[in-house]
N, C-alpha and C. Protein backbone atom coordinates (compact mmCIF):
# COMPACT_ATOMS: atom_id res chain seq x y z
N MET A 1 73.57 -7.86 -15.03
CA MET A 1 72.62 -8.50 -14.19
C MET A 1 73.17 -9.07 -12.97
N SER A 2 72.35 -8.67 -11.78
CA SER A 2 73.16 -9.19 -10.49
C SER A 2 73.16 -10.71 -10.37
N LYS A 3 73.74 -11.04 -9.28
CA LYS A 3 73.94 -12.57 -9.26
C LYS A 3 72.74 -13.03 -8.71
N ASN A 4 71.82 -12.38 -7.83
CA ASN A 4 70.67 -12.81 -7.54
C ASN A 4 69.50 -13.06 -8.52
N ASN A 5 69.77 -12.20 -9.68
CA ASN A 5 68.85 -12.17 -10.68
C ASN A 5 69.34 -13.31 -11.50
N GLU A 6 70.66 -13.70 -11.70
CA GLU A 6 71.20 -14.72 -12.35
C GLU A 6 70.65 -16.06 -11.72
N LYS A 7 70.58 -16.13 -10.44
CA LYS A 7 70.22 -17.38 -9.86
C LYS A 7 68.62 -17.38 -9.81
N ASN A 8 67.89 -16.33 -9.84
CA ASN A 8 66.28 -16.45 -10.12
C ASN A 8 65.87 -15.59 -11.32
N PRO A 9 66.03 -16.39 -12.36
CA PRO A 9 65.58 -15.72 -13.54
C PRO A 9 64.19 -15.25 -13.84
N ASN A 10 63.23 -15.90 -13.04
CA ASN A 10 61.90 -15.47 -12.96
C ASN A 10 61.45 -14.57 -11.92
N LEU A 11 62.23 -14.09 -11.17
CA LEU A 11 61.94 -13.09 -10.12
C LEU A 11 61.35 -11.79 -10.70
N LEU A 12 61.71 -11.36 -11.72
CA LEU A 12 61.36 -10.11 -12.29
C LEU A 12 59.80 -10.22 -12.87
N GLU A 13 59.55 -11.34 -13.34
CA GLU A 13 58.28 -11.89 -13.99
C GLU A 13 57.28 -11.91 -12.85
N ILE A 14 57.71 -12.65 -11.73
CA ILE A 14 56.86 -12.83 -10.61
C ILE A 14 56.50 -11.42 -9.96
N LEU A 15 57.47 -10.42 -9.81
CA LEU A 15 57.12 -9.16 -9.33
C LEU A 15 56.24 -8.40 -10.11
N GLU A 16 56.35 -8.56 -11.44
CA GLU A 16 55.68 -7.77 -12.40
C GLU A 16 54.10 -8.35 -12.25
N SER A 17 54.03 -9.54 -12.05
CA SER A 17 52.78 -10.40 -12.09
C SER A 17 52.07 -9.64 -10.75
N LEU A 18 52.68 -9.57 -9.57
CA LEU A 18 52.07 -9.22 -8.40
C LEU A 18 51.85 -7.82 -8.46
N ASN A 19 52.52 -6.84 -9.06
CA ASN A 19 52.16 -5.55 -9.42
C ASN A 19 50.91 -5.42 -10.09
N GLN A 20 50.96 -6.22 -11.10
CA GLN A 20 49.57 -6.16 -11.85
C GLN A 20 48.36 -6.50 -11.24
N ARG A 21 48.43 -7.69 -10.34
CA ARG A 21 47.38 -7.97 -9.46
C ARG A 21 46.95 -6.86 -8.36
N LEU A 22 48.02 -6.13 -7.98
CA LEU A 22 47.64 -5.17 -7.04
C LEU A 22 47.01 -4.01 -7.65
N ALA A 23 47.57 -3.75 -8.71
CA ALA A 23 46.93 -2.72 -9.58
C ALA A 23 45.41 -2.98 -9.89
N ALA A 24 45.19 -4.14 -10.18
CA ALA A 24 43.65 -4.65 -10.56
C ALA A 24 42.98 -4.45 -9.42
N LEU A 25 43.31 -4.91 -8.13
CA LEU A 25 42.65 -4.89 -6.89
C LEU A 25 42.36 -3.35 -6.56
N GLU A 26 43.27 -2.53 -6.86
CA GLU A 26 43.04 -1.02 -6.51
C GLU A 26 41.94 -0.42 -7.42
N ARG A 27 42.15 -0.83 -8.79
CA ARG A 27 41.10 -0.54 -9.75
C ARG A 27 39.65 -0.95 -9.10
N LYS A 28 39.55 -2.21 -8.67
CA LYS A 28 38.31 -2.69 -8.34
C LYS A 28 37.83 -1.82 -7.06
N PHE A 29 38.68 -1.65 -5.93
CA PHE A 29 38.11 -1.01 -4.80
C PHE A 29 37.75 0.45 -5.34
N ALA A 30 38.52 1.09 -6.25
CA ALA A 30 38.36 2.20 -6.51
C ALA A 30 36.67 2.45 -7.28
N SER A 31 36.55 1.34 -8.12
CA SER A 31 35.32 1.41 -8.87
C SER A 31 34.21 1.09 -8.00
N GLU A 32 34.39 0.28 -6.98
CA GLU A 32 33.13 -0.05 -5.98
C GLU A 32 32.63 1.18 -5.21
N GLY A 33 33.55 2.27 -5.23
CA GLY A 33 33.10 3.49 -4.43
C GLY A 33 32.06 4.29 -5.34
N ASP A 34 32.14 4.04 -6.70
CA ASP A 34 31.18 4.71 -7.64
C ASP A 34 30.05 3.83 -7.96
N ARG A 35 30.14 2.44 -7.51
CA ARG A 35 28.90 1.60 -8.00
C ARG A 35 27.70 2.11 -7.48
N PRO A 36 26.71 1.87 -8.56
CA PRO A 36 25.22 2.20 -8.32
C PRO A 36 24.71 1.58 -7.11
N ILE A 37 23.95 2.35 -6.44
CA ILE A 37 23.39 1.78 -5.07
C ILE A 37 21.97 1.25 -5.51
N TYR A 38 21.88 -0.17 -4.85
CA TYR A 38 20.67 -0.93 -5.23
C TYR A 38 20.00 -1.09 -3.78
N GLN A 39 18.82 -0.70 -3.43
CA GLN A 39 18.14 -0.92 -2.23
C GLN A 39 16.66 -1.02 -2.33
N LYS A 40 16.12 -1.69 -1.30
CA LYS A 40 14.83 -2.34 -1.34
C LYS A 40 14.15 -1.32 -0.24
N ILE A 41 12.86 -0.69 -0.57
CA ILE A 41 12.02 -0.05 0.40
C ILE A 41 10.70 -0.65 0.36
N ARG A 42 10.17 -0.61 1.67
CA ARG A 42 8.64 -1.05 1.81
C ARG A 42 7.83 0.03 2.31
N LEU A 43 6.98 0.54 1.53
CA LEU A 43 6.31 1.70 1.83
C LEU A 43 4.63 1.26 2.14
N PRO A 44 4.12 1.91 3.21
CA PRO A 44 2.64 1.58 3.33
C PRO A 44 1.82 2.31 2.22
N THR A 45 0.59 1.59 1.88
CA THR A 45 -0.26 2.21 1.05
C THR A 45 -1.72 1.87 1.30
N HIS A 46 -2.52 2.70 0.98
CA HIS A 46 -3.99 2.40 1.07
C HIS A 46 -4.57 1.82 -0.10
N ASP A 47 -3.75 1.35 -1.11
CA ASP A 47 -4.25 0.80 -2.19
C ASP A 47 -3.75 -0.66 -2.24
N LEU A 48 -3.90 -1.36 -3.33
CA LEU A 48 -3.34 -2.94 -3.40
C LEU A 48 -1.87 -2.93 -3.46
N GLU A 49 -1.27 -3.93 -3.06
CA GLU A 49 0.17 -4.10 -3.26
C GLU A 49 0.58 -3.79 -4.65
N GLU A 50 1.81 -2.99 -4.55
CA GLU A 50 2.27 -2.73 -5.96
C GLU A 50 3.91 -2.52 -5.81
N ASN A 51 4.47 -3.15 -6.92
CA ASN A 51 6.06 -3.10 -6.88
C ASN A 51 6.43 -2.11 -8.00
N ALA A 52 7.62 -1.55 -7.72
CA ALA A 52 8.06 -0.51 -8.79
C ALA A 52 9.52 -0.37 -8.62
N LYS A 53 10.21 -0.15 -9.61
CA LYS A 53 11.60 0.22 -9.70
C LYS A 53 12.05 1.65 -9.97
N LEU A 54 12.74 2.41 -9.09
CA LEU A 54 12.88 3.57 -9.39
C LEU A 54 14.45 3.98 -9.82
N LYS A 55 14.60 4.55 -11.05
CA LYS A 55 16.12 4.64 -11.30
C LYS A 55 16.53 6.15 -11.24
N THR A 56 17.57 6.23 -10.55
CA THR A 56 18.12 7.62 -10.28
C THR A 56 19.64 7.68 -10.71
N GLU A 57 20.43 8.78 -10.65
CA GLU A 57 21.68 8.76 -10.97
C GLU A 57 22.62 7.84 -9.84
N ASP A 58 21.97 7.85 -8.56
CA ASP A 58 22.77 7.16 -7.61
C ASP A 58 22.50 5.56 -7.75
N GLY A 59 21.63 5.15 -8.36
CA GLY A 59 21.24 3.71 -8.52
C GLY A 59 19.85 3.42 -8.76
N VAL A 60 19.41 2.04 -8.18
CA VAL A 60 18.12 1.62 -8.26
C VAL A 60 17.40 1.41 -6.94
N THR A 61 16.22 1.74 -6.87
CA THR A 61 15.47 1.63 -5.66
C THR A 61 14.24 0.76 -6.20
N ASP A 62 14.17 -0.51 -5.30
CA ASP A 62 13.03 -1.38 -5.51
C ASP A 62 12.12 -1.12 -4.40
N ILE A 63 11.01 -0.49 -4.85
CA ILE A 63 9.85 -0.07 -3.86
C ILE A 63 8.65 -1.12 -3.89
N THR A 64 8.33 -1.44 -2.66
CA THR A 64 7.21 -2.41 -2.52
C THR A 64 6.30 -1.75 -1.73
N ARG A 65 5.04 -1.35 -2.16
CA ARG A 65 3.99 -0.74 -1.57
C ARG A 65 3.18 -1.77 -0.83
N VAL A 66 3.30 -1.82 0.58
CA VAL A 66 2.38 -2.81 1.23
C VAL A 66 1.17 -2.32 1.67
N PRO A 67 -0.07 -3.01 1.39
CA PRO A 67 -1.41 -2.36 1.62
C PRO A 67 -1.71 -2.41 3.17
N VAL A 68 -2.24 -1.30 3.61
CA VAL A 68 -2.71 -1.23 4.97
C VAL A 68 -4.15 -0.73 5.03
N CYS A 69 -4.81 -0.99 5.95
CA CYS A 69 -6.34 -0.60 6.00
C CYS A 69 -6.33 0.87 6.03
N SER A 70 -7.21 1.60 5.12
CA SER A 70 -7.34 3.03 4.94
C SER A 70 -8.00 3.62 6.17
N VAL A 71 -8.64 2.71 7.11
CA VAL A 71 -9.29 3.36 8.36
C VAL A 71 -8.42 3.28 9.64
N CYS A 72 -7.83 1.98 9.78
CA CYS A 72 -7.22 1.74 11.08
C CYS A 72 -5.57 1.73 10.94
N HIS A 73 -5.25 1.71 9.50
CA HIS A 73 -3.90 1.66 9.01
C HIS A 73 -3.16 0.27 9.56
N GLY A 74 -3.81 -0.63 9.99
CA GLY A 74 -3.35 -1.81 10.26
C GLY A 74 -2.88 -2.79 8.89
N LEU A 75 -1.63 -3.27 9.13
CA LEU A 75 -1.13 -3.94 8.02
C LEU A 75 -1.88 -5.26 7.49
N ILE A 76 -1.98 -5.37 6.20
CA ILE A 76 -2.78 -6.19 5.48
C ILE A 76 -1.56 -7.41 5.10
N LYS A 77 -1.79 -8.56 5.81
CA LYS A 77 -0.65 -9.47 5.45
C LYS A 77 -0.97 -10.42 4.16
N GLY A 78 -0.10 -11.18 3.90
CA GLY A 78 -0.42 -11.86 2.55
C GLY A 78 -1.63 -12.92 2.57
N ASP A 79 -1.96 -13.52 3.79
CA ASP A 79 -2.92 -14.23 3.94
C ASP A 79 -4.23 -13.90 4.57
N ASP A 80 -4.08 -12.60 4.86
CA ASP A 80 -5.28 -11.83 5.60
C ASP A 80 -6.39 -11.72 4.60
N HIS A 81 -7.61 -11.71 5.23
CA HIS A 81 -8.84 -11.40 4.32
C HIS A 81 -9.11 -9.92 4.24
N PHE A 82 -9.35 -9.20 3.14
CA PHE A 82 -9.54 -7.78 3.14
C PHE A 82 -10.40 -7.47 1.96
N PHE A 83 -10.91 -6.20 1.96
CA PHE A 83 -11.76 -5.76 1.08
C PHE A 83 -11.39 -4.42 0.37
N VAL A 84 -11.71 -4.22 -0.91
CA VAL A 84 -11.49 -2.94 -1.50
C VAL A 84 -12.76 -2.17 -1.83
N CYS A 85 -12.87 -0.89 -1.54
CA CYS A 85 -13.94 -0.14 -1.44
C CYS A 85 -14.36 -0.17 -3.12
N HIS A 86 -15.85 -0.22 -3.02
CA HIS A 86 -16.32 -0.24 -4.56
C HIS A 86 -16.28 1.07 -5.19
N HIS A 87 -16.17 2.26 -4.41
CA HIS A 87 -16.00 3.44 -5.29
C HIS A 87 -14.54 3.88 -5.35
N CYS A 88 -13.91 4.13 -4.35
CA CYS A 88 -12.53 4.58 -4.14
C CYS A 88 -11.37 3.65 -4.33
N ALA A 89 -11.51 2.36 -4.33
CA ALA A 89 -10.67 1.22 -4.43
C ALA A 89 -9.60 1.29 -3.20
N ARG A 90 -9.95 2.02 -2.05
CA ARG A 90 -9.07 1.88 -0.97
C ARG A 90 -9.23 0.52 -0.24
N VAL A 91 -8.06 0.13 0.17
CA VAL A 91 -8.08 -1.15 1.04
C VAL A 91 -8.73 -1.11 2.46
N LEU A 92 -9.57 -1.98 2.73
CA LEU A 92 -10.23 -2.13 4.17
C LEU A 92 -10.13 -3.44 4.81
N CYS A 93 -9.71 -3.43 5.91
CA CYS A 93 -9.65 -4.67 6.80
C CYS A 93 -11.04 -5.30 6.95
N ASP A 94 -11.21 -6.55 7.52
CA ASP A 94 -12.42 -7.12 7.86
C ASP A 94 -13.34 -6.21 8.88
N LEU A 95 -12.76 -5.59 9.85
CA LEU A 95 -13.45 -4.77 10.85
C LEU A 95 -13.92 -3.52 10.04
N HIS A 96 -13.44 -2.76 9.19
CA HIS A 96 -13.76 -1.55 8.70
C HIS A 96 -14.53 -1.62 7.52
N ALA A 97 -14.65 -2.67 6.82
CA ALA A 97 -15.31 -2.78 5.49
C ALA A 97 -16.69 -2.74 5.78
N ILE A 98 -17.46 -1.92 5.10
CA ILE A 98 -19.06 -1.80 5.11
C ILE A 98 -19.71 -2.33 3.97
N ILE A 99 -20.51 -3.47 4.28
CA ILE A 99 -20.96 -4.31 3.04
C ILE A 99 -22.48 -3.72 2.85
N LEU A 100 -22.71 -3.22 1.56
CA LEU A 100 -24.02 -2.69 1.16
C LEU A 100 -24.14 -3.28 -0.25
N ASN A 101 -25.41 -3.90 -0.48
CA ASN A 101 -25.55 -4.50 -1.89
C ASN A 101 -24.51 -5.45 -2.20
N ASN A 102 -24.07 -6.28 -1.35
CA ASN A 102 -23.04 -7.35 -1.66
C ASN A 102 -21.69 -6.59 -2.14
N ARG A 103 -21.35 -5.49 -1.88
CA ARG A 103 -20.19 -4.68 -2.19
C ARG A 103 -19.68 -3.95 -0.96
N ALA A 104 -18.31 -3.75 -1.00
CA ALA A 104 -17.62 -3.30 0.07
C ALA A 104 -17.53 -1.68 -0.25
N HIS A 105 -17.52 -0.96 1.02
CA HIS A 105 -17.65 0.50 0.94
C HIS A 105 -16.81 0.86 2.20
N CYS A 106 -16.04 2.07 2.06
CA CYS A 106 -15.61 2.76 3.14
C CYS A 106 -16.73 3.64 3.74
N GLU A 107 -16.68 4.17 4.95
CA GLU A 107 -17.67 4.93 5.60
C GLU A 107 -17.95 6.20 4.76
N GLU A 108 -16.68 6.87 4.34
CA GLU A 108 -16.89 8.09 3.55
C GLU A 108 -17.58 7.88 2.27
N ASP A 109 -17.28 6.71 1.44
CA ASP A 109 -18.33 6.55 0.36
C ASP A 109 -19.62 6.21 0.47
N LEU A 110 -19.80 5.41 1.63
CA LEU A 110 -21.29 5.08 1.97
C LEU A 110 -22.17 6.31 2.19
N ARG A 111 -21.51 7.18 3.03
CA ARG A 111 -22.20 8.24 3.27
C ARG A 111 -22.52 9.36 2.14
N GLN A 112 -21.39 9.51 1.21
CA GLN A 112 -21.54 10.17 0.15
C GLN A 112 -22.31 9.62 -1.02
N HIS A 113 -22.44 8.38 -1.27
CA HIS A 113 -23.09 7.87 -2.38
C HIS A 113 -24.35 7.17 -1.99
N HIS A 114 -24.53 6.74 -0.84
CA HIS A 114 -25.75 5.92 -0.50
C HIS A 114 -26.42 6.48 0.54
N ILE A 115 -26.18 5.96 1.89
CA ILE A 115 -26.89 6.46 3.25
C ILE A 115 -26.14 7.30 4.20
N ASP A 116 -26.41 8.45 4.45
CA ASP A 116 -25.84 9.27 5.42
C ASP A 116 -26.67 9.48 6.58
N ILE A 117 -26.39 9.00 7.79
CA ILE A 117 -27.22 9.31 9.00
C ILE A 117 -26.33 9.68 10.12
N SER A 118 -26.81 10.63 10.78
CA SER A 118 -26.09 10.87 12.25
C SER A 118 -26.33 9.90 13.23
N ARG A 119 -25.81 10.17 14.21
CA ARG A 119 -26.13 9.37 15.62
C ARG A 119 -27.67 9.60 15.95
N ARG A 120 -27.87 10.98 15.95
CA ARG A 120 -29.32 11.40 16.24
C ARG A 120 -30.33 10.79 15.34
N ASP A 121 -29.94 10.70 14.01
CA ASP A 121 -30.88 10.07 13.01
C ASP A 121 -30.93 8.65 13.27
N TYR A 122 -29.92 8.03 13.62
CA TYR A 122 -29.94 6.43 13.99
C TYR A 122 -30.84 6.25 15.09
N LYS A 123 -30.51 6.77 16.13
CA LYS A 123 -31.33 6.58 17.54
C LYS A 123 -32.91 6.76 17.15
N THR A 124 -33.16 7.79 16.50
CA THR A 124 -34.60 8.15 16.15
C THR A 124 -35.19 7.04 15.32
N LEU A 125 -34.36 6.52 14.38
CA LEU A 125 -34.98 5.55 13.49
C LEU A 125 -35.15 4.32 14.31
N VAL A 126 -34.22 3.97 15.26
CA VAL A 126 -34.41 2.72 15.90
C VAL A 126 -35.79 2.97 16.81
N CYS A 127 -35.89 4.19 17.50
CA CYS A 127 -37.17 4.18 18.27
C CYS A 127 -38.22 4.01 17.34
N LEU A 128 -38.40 4.62 16.22
CA LEU A 128 -39.58 4.52 15.35
C LEU A 128 -39.79 3.05 14.98
N ALA A 129 -38.72 2.20 14.79
CA ALA A 129 -38.68 1.01 14.20
C ALA A 129 -39.38 -0.04 15.38
N ASN A 130 -39.09 0.56 16.61
CA ASN A 130 -39.76 -0.16 17.66
C ASN A 130 -41.11 0.36 18.23
N GLY A 131 -41.80 1.18 17.32
CA GLY A 131 -43.03 1.61 17.53
C GLY A 131 -43.30 2.86 18.47
N ILE A 132 -42.26 3.52 18.69
CA ILE A 132 -42.12 4.82 19.47
C ILE A 132 -41.99 5.89 18.57
N ASP A 133 -43.16 6.69 18.61
CA ASP A 133 -42.97 7.79 17.68
C ASP A 133 -43.38 9.22 18.23
N ALA A 134 -43.74 9.12 19.70
CA ALA A 134 -44.01 10.14 20.30
C ALA A 134 -42.88 11.02 20.73
N MET A 135 -42.76 12.22 20.33
CA MET A 135 -41.61 13.14 20.45
C MET A 135 -41.03 13.22 21.79
N ASP A 136 -41.84 13.25 22.89
CA ASP A 136 -41.39 13.35 24.23
C ASP A 136 -40.76 11.94 24.69
N LYS A 137 -41.15 10.82 24.14
CA LYS A 137 -40.68 9.66 24.45
C LYS A 137 -39.16 9.46 23.76
N ILE A 138 -39.28 9.80 22.54
CA ILE A 138 -37.99 9.70 21.71
C ILE A 138 -36.89 10.67 22.36
N ALA A 139 -37.50 11.96 22.69
CA ALA A 139 -36.41 12.83 23.30
C ALA A 139 -35.78 12.36 24.59
N ASP A 140 -36.47 11.60 25.48
CA ASP A 140 -36.11 11.01 26.74
C ASP A 140 -35.25 9.96 26.29
N LEU A 141 -35.48 9.08 25.35
CA LEU A 141 -34.46 7.93 25.14
C LEU A 141 -33.28 8.20 24.40
N THR A 142 -33.31 9.34 23.65
CA THR A 142 -32.06 9.68 22.77
C THR A 142 -31.39 10.86 23.39
N ALA A 143 -31.93 11.46 24.55
CA ALA A 143 -31.25 12.45 25.29
C ALA A 143 -31.17 13.70 24.28
N MET A 144 -32.37 13.86 23.64
CA MET A 144 -32.46 15.24 22.62
C MET A 144 -33.47 16.00 23.31
N LEU A 145 -33.49 17.36 22.81
CA LEU A 145 -34.60 18.17 23.05
C LEU A 145 -35.53 18.00 22.15
N PRO A 146 -36.94 18.28 22.42
CA PRO A 146 -37.91 18.07 21.68
C PRO A 146 -37.81 18.84 20.36
N VAL A 147 -37.32 19.91 20.28
CA VAL A 147 -37.11 20.57 18.88
C VAL A 147 -36.11 19.83 18.02
N GLU A 148 -35.13 19.26 18.65
CA GLU A 148 -33.99 18.49 18.04
C GLU A 148 -34.61 17.03 17.44
N VAL A 149 -35.54 16.50 18.21
CA VAL A 149 -36.20 15.45 17.60
C VAL A 149 -37.32 15.82 16.47
N GLU A 150 -37.78 17.01 16.62
CA GLU A 150 -38.79 17.49 15.38
C GLU A 150 -37.68 17.83 14.05
N GLN A 151 -36.56 18.34 14.27
CA GLN A 151 -35.76 18.55 13.27
C GLN A 151 -35.34 17.40 12.63
N THR A 152 -34.87 16.39 13.47
CA THR A 152 -34.31 15.14 12.99
C THR A 152 -35.61 14.21 12.17
N LEU A 153 -36.59 14.41 12.65
CA LEU A 153 -37.87 13.81 11.76
C LEU A 153 -38.09 14.40 10.53
N THR A 154 -37.94 15.54 10.51
CA THR A 154 -38.05 16.42 9.28
C THR A 154 -36.90 15.99 8.38
N LYS A 155 -35.62 15.84 8.80
CA LYS A 155 -34.65 15.46 8.01
C LYS A 155 -34.94 14.06 7.34
N LEU A 156 -35.10 13.12 8.35
CA LEU A 156 -35.43 11.70 7.77
C LEU A 156 -36.55 11.58 6.79
N SER A 157 -37.74 12.49 6.93
CA SER A 157 -38.68 12.59 6.16
C SER A 157 -38.33 13.09 4.80
N THR A 158 -37.39 14.01 4.76
CA THR A 158 -37.02 14.57 3.45
C THR A 158 -35.97 13.64 2.71
N SER A 159 -35.33 12.91 3.49
CA SER A 159 -34.39 11.89 2.87
C SER A 159 -35.12 10.68 2.70
N ASN A 160 -36.45 10.55 2.71
CA ASN A 160 -37.19 9.31 2.48
C ASN A 160 -36.87 8.05 3.39
N LEU A 161 -36.35 8.30 4.52
CA LEU A 161 -36.06 7.28 5.39
C LEU A 161 -37.35 7.07 6.30
N VAL A 162 -38.20 8.03 6.55
CA VAL A 162 -39.54 7.63 7.41
C VAL A 162 -40.71 8.08 6.50
N THR A 163 -41.84 7.44 6.96
CA THR A 163 -43.11 7.81 6.27
C THR A 163 -44.24 8.03 7.25
N SER A 164 -45.24 8.91 6.93
CA SER A 164 -46.10 9.01 8.01
C SER A 164 -47.35 8.28 7.38
N GLN A 165 -48.03 7.35 8.18
CA GLN A 165 -49.34 6.78 7.74
C GLN A 165 -50.39 6.89 8.85
N PRO A 166 -51.60 7.15 8.43
CA PRO A 166 -52.68 7.31 9.29
C PRO A 166 -53.10 6.25 10.19
N ARG A 167 -53.28 6.56 11.46
CA ARG A 167 -53.53 5.51 12.47
C ARG A 167 -55.02 5.07 12.43
N LEU A 168 -55.56 4.14 13.32
CA LEU A 168 -56.95 3.84 13.20
C LEU A 168 -57.87 4.94 13.20
N PHE A 169 -58.81 5.07 12.28
CA PHE A 169 -59.74 5.99 12.17
C PHE A 169 -59.20 7.35 11.68
N GLY A 170 -57.98 7.17 11.20
CA GLY A 170 -57.46 8.34 10.47
C GLY A 170 -57.03 9.72 11.24
N LEU A 171 -57.45 9.55 12.69
CA LEU A 171 -57.25 10.84 13.45
C LEU A 171 -55.84 11.24 13.74
N LEU A 172 -54.94 10.20 14.01
CA LEU A 172 -53.50 10.66 14.15
C LEU A 172 -52.71 9.73 13.16
N LYS A 173 -51.56 10.27 12.91
CA LYS A 173 -50.53 9.71 12.04
C LYS A 173 -49.42 8.92 12.64
N GLU A 174 -49.03 7.80 12.08
CA GLU A 174 -47.96 7.03 12.75
C GLU A 174 -46.72 7.07 12.00
N VAL A 175 -45.65 7.37 12.46
CA VAL A 175 -44.39 7.54 11.73
C VAL A 175 -43.53 6.42 11.86
N LYS A 176 -43.21 5.93 10.71
CA LYS A 176 -42.55 4.59 10.61
C LYS A 176 -41.39 4.65 9.63
N PRO A 177 -40.26 3.95 9.83
CA PRO A 177 -39.05 3.92 8.88
C PRO A 177 -39.67 3.30 7.60
N THR A 178 -39.15 3.82 6.41
CA THR A 178 -39.43 3.20 5.15
C THR A 178 -38.43 1.95 5.07
N ASP A 179 -38.54 1.19 3.94
CA ASP A 179 -37.72 0.06 3.71
C ASP A 179 -36.22 0.60 3.69
N GLU A 180 -35.90 1.78 3.07
CA GLU A 180 -34.52 2.41 3.21
C GLU A 180 -34.06 2.67 4.47
N GLY A 181 -35.11 3.19 5.31
CA GLY A 181 -34.78 3.56 6.75
C GLY A 181 -34.42 2.27 7.49
N LEU A 182 -35.15 1.24 7.18
CA LEU A 182 -34.77 -0.07 7.89
C LEU A 182 -33.40 -0.64 7.39
N LEU A 183 -33.18 -0.32 6.12
CA LEU A 183 -31.69 -0.72 5.75
C LEU A 183 -30.52 0.13 6.20
N ALA A 184 -31.01 1.50 6.46
CA ALA A 184 -29.76 2.23 7.15
C ALA A 184 -29.70 1.85 8.64
N ILE A 185 -30.63 1.30 9.26
CA ILE A 185 -30.48 0.80 10.69
C ILE A 185 -29.60 -0.19 10.66
N SER A 186 -30.05 -1.39 9.75
CA SER A 186 -29.27 -2.50 9.76
C SER A 186 -27.79 -2.09 9.41
N VAL A 187 -27.45 -1.38 8.32
CA VAL A 187 -26.13 -1.26 7.90
C VAL A 187 -25.42 -0.41 8.96
N TYR A 188 -25.83 0.61 9.61
CA TYR A 188 -25.23 1.31 10.63
C TYR A 188 -24.95 0.61 12.03
N ARG A 189 -26.06 -0.26 12.38
CA ARG A 189 -25.82 -0.96 13.50
C ARG A 189 -24.69 -2.09 13.43
N GLN A 190 -24.71 -2.52 12.15
CA GLN A 190 -23.66 -3.64 12.13
C GLN A 190 -22.13 -3.03 11.74
N PHE A 191 -22.10 -1.95 11.02
CA PHE A 191 -20.93 -1.62 10.55
C PHE A 191 -20.40 -0.31 11.08
N VAL A 192 -21.18 0.62 11.65
CA VAL A 192 -20.76 1.99 11.93
C VAL A 192 -20.95 2.28 13.38
N TYR A 193 -22.25 2.20 13.97
CA TYR A 193 -22.43 2.69 15.37
C TYR A 193 -22.67 1.66 16.34
N GLY A 194 -22.76 0.20 15.83
CA GLY A 194 -23.16 -0.87 16.56
C GLY A 194 -22.27 -1.08 17.94
N ARG A 195 -20.87 -0.80 17.66
CA ARG A 195 -19.80 -1.11 18.60
C ARG A 195 -19.43 0.02 19.58
N ASP A 196 -20.27 1.23 19.43
CA ASP A 196 -20.03 2.35 20.24
C ASP A 196 -20.62 2.25 21.71
N GLU A 197 -19.93 2.66 22.64
CA GLU A 197 -20.39 2.46 24.14
C GLU A 197 -21.71 3.36 24.38
N ASP A 198 -21.80 4.52 23.71
CA ASP A 198 -23.03 5.23 23.85
C ASP A 198 -24.17 4.67 23.23
N MET A 199 -24.02 3.77 22.04
CA MET A 199 -25.03 3.15 21.40
C MET A 199 -25.61 1.89 22.27
N GLU A 200 -24.68 1.35 23.05
CA GLU A 200 -24.95 0.13 23.74
C GLU A 200 -25.74 0.59 25.04
N LEU A 201 -25.35 1.89 25.55
CA LEU A 201 -26.19 2.50 26.48
C LEU A 201 -27.69 2.96 26.21
N PHE A 202 -27.62 3.40 25.00
CA PHE A 202 -29.00 3.76 24.39
C PHE A 202 -29.86 2.42 24.14
N GLY A 203 -29.25 1.29 23.60
CA GLY A 203 -29.85 0.05 23.48
C GLY A 203 -30.55 -0.43 24.74
N LYS A 204 -29.68 -0.31 25.78
CA LYS A 204 -30.11 -0.83 27.08
C LYS A 204 -31.23 -0.11 27.62
N LYS A 205 -31.14 1.30 27.46
CA LYS A 205 -32.16 2.12 27.85
C LYS A 205 -33.66 1.82 27.15
N LEU A 206 -33.37 1.44 25.79
CA LEU A 206 -34.51 1.40 25.02
C LEU A 206 -35.26 0.00 25.36
N ARG A 207 -34.36 -1.04 25.72
CA ARG A 207 -34.96 -2.21 26.12
C ARG A 207 -35.78 -2.01 27.38
N GLU A 208 -35.00 -1.59 28.35
CA GLU A 208 -35.92 -1.33 29.62
C GLU A 208 -37.03 -0.62 29.51
N PHE A 209 -37.15 0.39 28.55
CA PHE A 209 -38.30 1.18 28.28
C PHE A 209 -39.46 -0.01 27.63
N LEU A 210 -39.16 -0.66 26.81
CA LEU A 210 -40.04 -1.57 26.04
C LEU A 210 -40.55 -2.48 26.95
N VAL A 211 -39.80 -3.09 27.91
CA VAL A 211 -40.06 -4.18 28.84
C VAL A 211 -41.18 -3.42 29.86
N ALA A 212 -40.81 -2.24 30.36
CA ALA A 212 -41.77 -1.33 31.22
C ALA A 212 -43.17 -1.27 30.43
N GLU A 213 -43.25 -0.96 29.22
CA GLU A 213 -44.37 -0.59 28.43
C GLU A 213 -45.10 -1.80 28.31
N SER A 214 -44.35 -3.05 28.08
CA SER A 214 -45.24 -4.24 27.84
C SER A 214 -45.77 -4.73 29.07
N GLY A 215 -45.37 -4.27 30.36
CA GLY A 215 -45.87 -4.89 31.49
C GLY A 215 -45.26 -6.22 31.99
N PHE A 216 -44.23 -6.56 31.15
CA PHE A 216 -43.63 -7.78 31.65
C PHE A 216 -42.38 -7.64 32.42
N ASN A 217 -41.96 -8.67 33.42
CA ASN A 217 -40.81 -8.33 33.95
C ASN A 217 -39.69 -9.36 33.48
N VAL A 218 -38.35 -8.92 33.57
CA VAL A 218 -37.44 -9.92 33.05
C VAL A 218 -36.20 -9.91 34.12
């Protein structure tokens, strides 16, 4: 044994301890390279919020599906008011939920399962609801051809949205919206067509016509 070792009998033990600690650190660093990956992912969904864990050979992925409006794709935050379509269960924000019979609907399911009216149908129904049933007047107010008005009236009659009733003395018939036709006007005005620019122009033209017919000035 060397003189240094004789003077430091614990030197070999200290070196051995250091070697063991270094070896342990090397094993730790080596194992971290193979450690399973854990990650969090947030994905948009048109359904309600849902959490799930996906296990793969590489590790675990924590997936949170965050609801967005199925129409405008706006994010639905935790404290936001939202609706779920009665038929397809898709999420709808306040602006795009259509309420019928106290239940929320998306426009697609409203049309498929309940009431489906086009812009021409809607404008024609509004004219009829205001006592305007002459084809030439409807054509002028709605910017349609008389033949298009006739086709629209036939479609609305077939769909039970309008009905024909005899006028005074039964010489002519008056076309009016049925209760379902009035409901269609209300729903589509409030939730579908009411905010459209062309409908605002139609409404203005209709009001001007009604004022002129009444003989009152505003």
